[in-house]
Structures are given as structure tokens and as C-alpha cells.
Amino acid sequence: MSEILRLRDKELEWRALEGEIVVLDATASQYLSMNKTGAVLWSALAEGATREELVAKLVETFDVDTATAARDLDAFLEALEAKGLLARA
């Protein structure tokens, strides 16, 4: 069974604005923003998704090949983990 990836659920507020995401991480007292690609992933992570589902969403939404989508997703997930924003289940 694939691991479900989610956003950390405590002290994390976010809003979609004009196709992008703006995040307030109250724990780190830090604002973050995501472009359209990040916004698609962020919204899916808010609901919980597997890595495979996230790759498929990128391929479908942005018409990129699977290898590119997987590479970009892994970089995005690594950045979220480094900031303590990602939970795995």
C-alpha cells in the first residue's frame, strides 16, 4: 500500500489567491507562497494523496512527461519536509 502524504495540520493557514497559494506557518512565523504548480500539489496534499497520485495530477494538469513530473514532485516534497510541513502516513 502506498504512503499517504499530507500537509502538517497544526498552526498552518493557507489561502488560494489568483491561482497561487499563500501560506502562514505559525510555528515558524514564516510566510510562503506557491506558484500554480505548487498550488495544484498543495491542494492535493491538503486532502492527502500518494506520490503516484501527485505525479499523475501533474502529468494531467500540465501535460508534462512522467519523469519530469516525478522529479519536480520529489523536489517539492523535499522542500516541504525540510520546512516541517509534510506528514506521512
N, C-alpha and C. Protein backbone atom coordinates (compact mmCIF):
# COMPACT_ATOMS: atom_id res chain seq x y z
N MET A 1 0.84 -1.19 0.00
CA MET A 1 0.00 0.00 0.00
C MET A 1 0.88 1.25 0.00
N SER A 2 0.50 2.22 -0.78
CA SER A 2 1.30 3.44 -0.90
C SER A 2 1.09 4.37 0.29
N GLU A 3 2.14 5.05 0.63
CA GLU A 3 2.13 6.00 1.73
C GLU A 3 1.29 7.23 1.37
N ILE A 4 0.45 7.68 2.30
CA ILE A 4 -0.35 8.89 2.10
C ILE A 4 0.45 10.09 2.61
N LEU A 5 0.57 11.09 1.76
CA LEU A 5 1.27 12.31 2.11
C LEU A 5 0.23 13.39 2.39
N ARG A 6 0.45 14.15 3.46
CA ARG A 6 -0.47 15.23 3.86
C ARG A 6 0.35 16.42 4.36
N LEU A 7 -0.32 17.55 4.36
CA LEU A 7 0.27 18.73 4.99
C LEU A 7 0.16 18.58 6.50
N ARG A 8 1.12 19.14 7.20
CA ARG A 8 1.02 19.21 8.66
C ARG A 8 -0.26 19.95 9.00
N ASP A 9 -1.01 19.50 9.97
CA ASP A 9 -2.32 20.10 10.23
C ASP A 9 -2.37 21.12 11.36
N LYS A 10 -1.28 21.34 12.04
CA LYS A 10 -1.30 22.29 13.16
C LYS A 10 -0.57 23.57 12.80
N GLU A 11 -1.20 24.69 13.18
CA GLU A 11 -0.62 26.02 13.02
C GLU A 11 -0.16 26.30 11.59
N LEU A 12 -1.00 25.92 10.64
CA LEU A 12 -0.70 26.12 9.23
C LEU A 12 -1.96 26.66 8.56
N GLU A 13 -1.92 27.91 8.15
CA GLU A 13 -3.05 28.55 7.49
C GLU A 13 -2.65 28.87 6.06
N TRP A 14 -3.59 28.66 5.12
CA TRP A 14 -3.28 28.95 3.73
C TRP A 14 -4.52 29.38 2.97
N ARG A 15 -4.28 30.13 1.91
CA ARG A 15 -5.35 30.63 1.05
C ARG A 15 -4.90 30.56 -0.40
N ALA A 16 -5.86 30.26 -1.28
CA ALA A 16 -5.61 30.31 -2.72
C ALA A 16 -5.94 31.73 -3.18
N LEU A 17 -4.99 32.34 -3.88
CA LEU A 17 -5.18 33.69 -4.41
C LEU A 17 -4.69 33.73 -5.85
N GLU A 18 -5.61 33.96 -6.77
CA GLU A 18 -5.27 34.11 -8.19
C GLU A 18 -4.43 32.94 -8.71
N GLY A 19 -4.84 31.72 -8.35
CA GLY A 19 -4.16 30.53 -8.85
C GLY A 19 -2.89 30.15 -8.11
N GLU A 20 -2.52 30.92 -7.12
CA GLU A 20 -1.33 30.61 -6.32
C GLU A 20 -1.77 30.38 -4.88
N ILE A 21 -0.86 29.90 -4.06
CA ILE A 21 -1.14 29.63 -2.64
C ILE A 21 -0.24 30.49 -1.78
N VAL A 22 -0.83 31.09 -0.75
CA VAL A 22 -0.07 31.84 0.25
C VAL A 22 -0.28 31.12 1.57
N VAL A 23 0.83 30.84 2.27
CA VAL A 23 0.80 30.03 3.48
C VAL A 23 1.40 30.82 4.64
N LEU A 24 0.78 30.72 5.80
CA LEU A 24 1.36 31.21 7.04
C LEU A 24 1.65 30.01 7.91
N ASP A 25 2.92 29.79 8.20
CA ASP A 25 3.33 28.73 9.11
C ASP A 25 3.55 29.41 10.46
N ALA A 26 2.55 29.31 11.33
CA ALA A 26 2.61 29.99 12.62
C ALA A 26 3.71 29.42 13.51
N THR A 27 4.03 28.15 13.34
CA THR A 27 5.08 27.52 14.14
C THR A 27 6.43 28.19 13.88
N ALA A 28 6.71 28.46 12.61
CA ALA A 28 8.00 29.06 12.24
C ALA A 28 7.90 30.57 12.03
N SER A 29 6.69 31.13 12.23
CA SER A 29 6.45 32.56 11.96
C SER A 29 6.97 32.93 10.58
N GLN A 30 6.49 32.21 9.58
CA GLN A 30 7.02 32.35 8.23
C GLN A 30 5.89 32.31 7.20
N TYR A 31 5.97 33.21 6.21
CA TYR A 31 5.06 33.19 5.08
C TYR A 31 5.73 32.46 3.93
N LEU A 32 4.95 31.70 3.18
CA LEU A 32 5.43 31.00 2.00
C LEU A 32 4.44 31.26 0.87
N SER A 33 4.90 31.11 -0.36
CA SER A 33 3.97 31.20 -1.48
C SER A 33 4.32 30.10 -2.48
N MET A 34 3.30 29.67 -3.21
CA MET A 34 3.46 28.61 -4.21
C MET A 34 2.96 29.13 -5.56
N ASN A 35 3.65 28.76 -6.62
CA ASN A 35 3.18 29.09 -7.96
C ASN A 35 2.04 28.14 -8.33
N LYS A 36 1.59 28.17 -9.58
CA LYS A 36 0.46 27.34 -9.99
C LYS A 36 0.75 25.85 -9.83
N THR A 37 1.95 25.43 -10.14
CA THR A 37 2.31 24.02 -9.97
C THR A 37 2.26 23.64 -8.49
N GLY A 38 2.87 24.45 -7.66
CA GLY A 38 2.84 24.21 -6.22
C GLY A 38 1.43 24.24 -5.66
N ALA A 39 0.58 25.12 -6.22
CA ALA A 39 -0.80 25.23 -5.75
C ALA A 39 -1.58 23.94 -6.02
N VAL A 40 -1.36 23.34 -7.18
CA VAL A 40 -2.02 22.07 -7.50
C VAL A 40 -1.59 20.99 -6.51
N LEU A 41 -0.30 20.91 -6.25
CA LEU A 41 0.21 19.91 -5.31
C LEU A 41 -0.25 20.19 -3.89
N TRP A 42 -0.19 21.44 -3.48
CA TRP A 42 -0.58 21.84 -2.13
C TRP A 42 -2.03 21.44 -1.85
N SER A 43 -2.92 21.75 -2.79
CA SER A 43 -4.33 21.42 -2.62
C SER A 43 -4.54 19.91 -2.49
N ALA A 44 -3.82 19.14 -3.28
CA ALA A 44 -3.92 17.68 -3.20
C ALA A 44 -3.37 17.18 -1.87
N LEU A 45 -2.28 17.76 -1.41
CA LEU A 45 -1.70 17.35 -0.13
C LEU A 45 -2.59 17.73 1.05
N ALA A 46 -3.37 18.78 0.91
CA ALA A 46 -4.30 19.17 1.97
C ALA A 46 -5.34 18.08 2.19
N GLU A 47 -5.70 17.36 1.13
CA GLU A 47 -6.66 16.27 1.21
C GLU A 47 -5.99 14.94 1.55
N GLY A 48 -4.72 14.83 1.21
CA GLY A 48 -3.97 13.58 1.37
C GLY A 48 -3.91 12.86 0.04
N ALA A 49 -2.72 12.48 -0.37
CA ALA A 49 -2.53 11.82 -1.67
C ALA A 49 -1.26 10.99 -1.63
N THR A 50 -1.21 9.99 -2.49
CA THR A 50 0.02 9.21 -2.63
C THR A 50 0.95 9.91 -3.61
N ARG A 51 2.19 9.52 -3.61
CA ARG A 51 3.16 10.07 -4.56
C ARG A 51 2.68 9.82 -5.98
N GLU A 52 2.17 8.62 -6.24
CA GLU A 52 1.70 8.27 -7.57
C GLU A 52 0.54 9.15 -8.01
N GLU A 53 -0.37 9.44 -7.10
CA GLU A 53 -1.50 10.33 -7.42
C GLU A 53 -1.02 11.74 -7.73
N LEU A 54 -0.03 12.20 -6.99
CA LEU A 54 0.50 13.54 -7.21
C LEU A 54 1.22 13.64 -8.56
N VAL A 55 1.99 12.62 -8.91
CA VAL A 55 2.65 12.60 -10.21
C VAL A 55 1.60 12.62 -11.32
N ALA A 56 0.58 11.80 -11.19
CA ALA A 56 -0.49 11.75 -12.20
C ALA A 56 -1.19 13.09 -12.34
N LYS A 57 -1.40 13.77 -11.23
CA LYS A 57 -2.05 15.09 -11.25
C LYS A 57 -1.19 16.10 -12.01
N LEU A 58 0.11 16.07 -11.81
CA LEU A 58 1.00 16.97 -12.55
C LEU A 58 0.97 16.67 -14.05
N VAL A 59 1.05 15.40 -14.40
CA VAL A 59 1.04 15.00 -15.81
C VAL A 59 -0.26 15.46 -16.46
N GLU A 60 -1.38 15.23 -15.79
CA GLU A 60 -2.69 15.58 -16.33
C GLU A 60 -2.88 17.10 -16.44
N THR A 61 -2.48 17.83 -15.41
CA THR A 61 -2.74 19.26 -15.36
C THR A 61 -1.81 20.06 -16.26
N PHE A 62 -0.54 19.66 -16.31
CA PHE A 62 0.46 20.48 -17.01
C PHE A 62 1.02 19.84 -18.27
N ASP A 63 0.52 18.67 -18.64
CA ASP A 63 0.94 17.99 -19.87
C ASP A 63 2.47 17.85 -19.93
N VAL A 64 3.04 17.33 -18.85
CA VAL A 64 4.47 17.02 -18.80
C VAL A 64 4.63 15.51 -18.76
N ASP A 65 5.82 15.02 -19.07
CA ASP A 65 6.03 13.59 -19.02
C ASP A 65 6.18 13.13 -17.56
N THR A 66 6.00 11.86 -17.35
CA THR A 66 6.02 11.29 -16.00
C THR A 66 7.35 11.50 -15.29
N ALA A 67 8.45 11.35 -16.01
CA ALA A 67 9.77 11.51 -15.39
C ALA A 67 9.97 12.94 -14.89
N THR A 68 9.57 13.92 -15.68
CA THR A 68 9.69 15.33 -15.27
C THR A 68 8.79 15.61 -14.08
N ALA A 69 7.56 15.12 -14.14
CA ALA A 69 6.61 15.33 -13.04
C ALA A 69 7.15 14.71 -11.75
N ALA A 70 7.70 13.50 -11.83
CA ALA A 70 8.23 12.82 -10.65
C ALA A 70 9.41 13.58 -10.07
N ARG A 71 10.31 14.05 -10.92
CA ARG A 71 11.48 14.80 -10.46
C ARG A 71 11.05 16.10 -9.77
N ASP A 72 10.12 16.83 -10.40
CA ASP A 72 9.66 18.09 -9.81
C ASP A 72 8.90 17.85 -8.51
N LEU A 73 8.09 16.80 -8.47
CA LEU A 73 7.37 16.46 -7.25
C LEU A 73 8.33 16.14 -6.12
N ASP A 74 9.33 15.32 -6.39
CA ASP A 74 10.28 14.95 -5.34
C ASP A 74 11.00 16.18 -4.78
N ALA A 75 11.34 17.12 -5.63
CA ALA A 75 11.98 18.36 -5.16
C ALA A 75 11.02 19.16 -4.28
N PHE A 76 9.76 19.23 -4.68
CA PHE A 76 8.74 19.95 -3.91
C PHE A 76 8.53 19.30 -2.55
N LEU A 77 8.40 17.98 -2.54
CA LEU A 77 8.20 17.26 -1.28
C LEU A 77 9.40 17.40 -0.36
N GLU A 78 10.58 17.37 -0.92
CA GLU A 78 11.80 17.55 -0.13
C GLU A 78 11.82 18.93 0.53
N ALA A 79 11.41 19.95 -0.21
CA ALA A 79 11.37 21.31 0.33
C ALA A 79 10.33 21.40 1.46
N LEU A 80 9.17 20.77 1.27
CA LEU A 80 8.15 20.79 2.33
C LEU A 80 8.64 20.06 3.57
N GLU A 81 9.29 18.93 3.39
CA GLU A 81 9.82 18.18 4.54
C GLU A 81 10.89 18.99 5.27
N ALA A 82 11.74 19.68 4.54
CA ALA A 82 12.79 20.47 5.17
C ALA A 82 12.21 21.57 6.04
N LYS A 83 11.02 22.05 5.68
CA LYS A 83 10.35 23.10 6.46
C LYS A 83 9.39 22.52 7.51
N GLY A 84 9.33 21.19 7.59
CA GLY A 84 8.46 20.55 8.57
C GLY A 84 6.97 20.67 8.25
N LEU A 85 6.64 20.79 6.96
CA LEU A 85 5.25 20.99 6.57
C LEU A 85 4.55 19.73 6.09
N LEU A 86 5.28 18.63 5.97
CA LEU A 86 4.73 17.42 5.40
C LEU A 86 4.61 16.33 6.45
N ALA A 87 3.49 15.62 6.41
CA ALA A 87 3.27 14.46 7.28
C ALA A 87 3.07 13.24 6.41
N ARG A 88 3.62 12.13 6.83
CA ARG A 88 3.47 10.88 6.07
C ARG A 88 2.71 9.87 6.93
N ALA A 89 1.82 9.13 6.26
CA ALA A 89 1.02 8.12 6.98
C ALA A 89 0.98 6.83 6.20
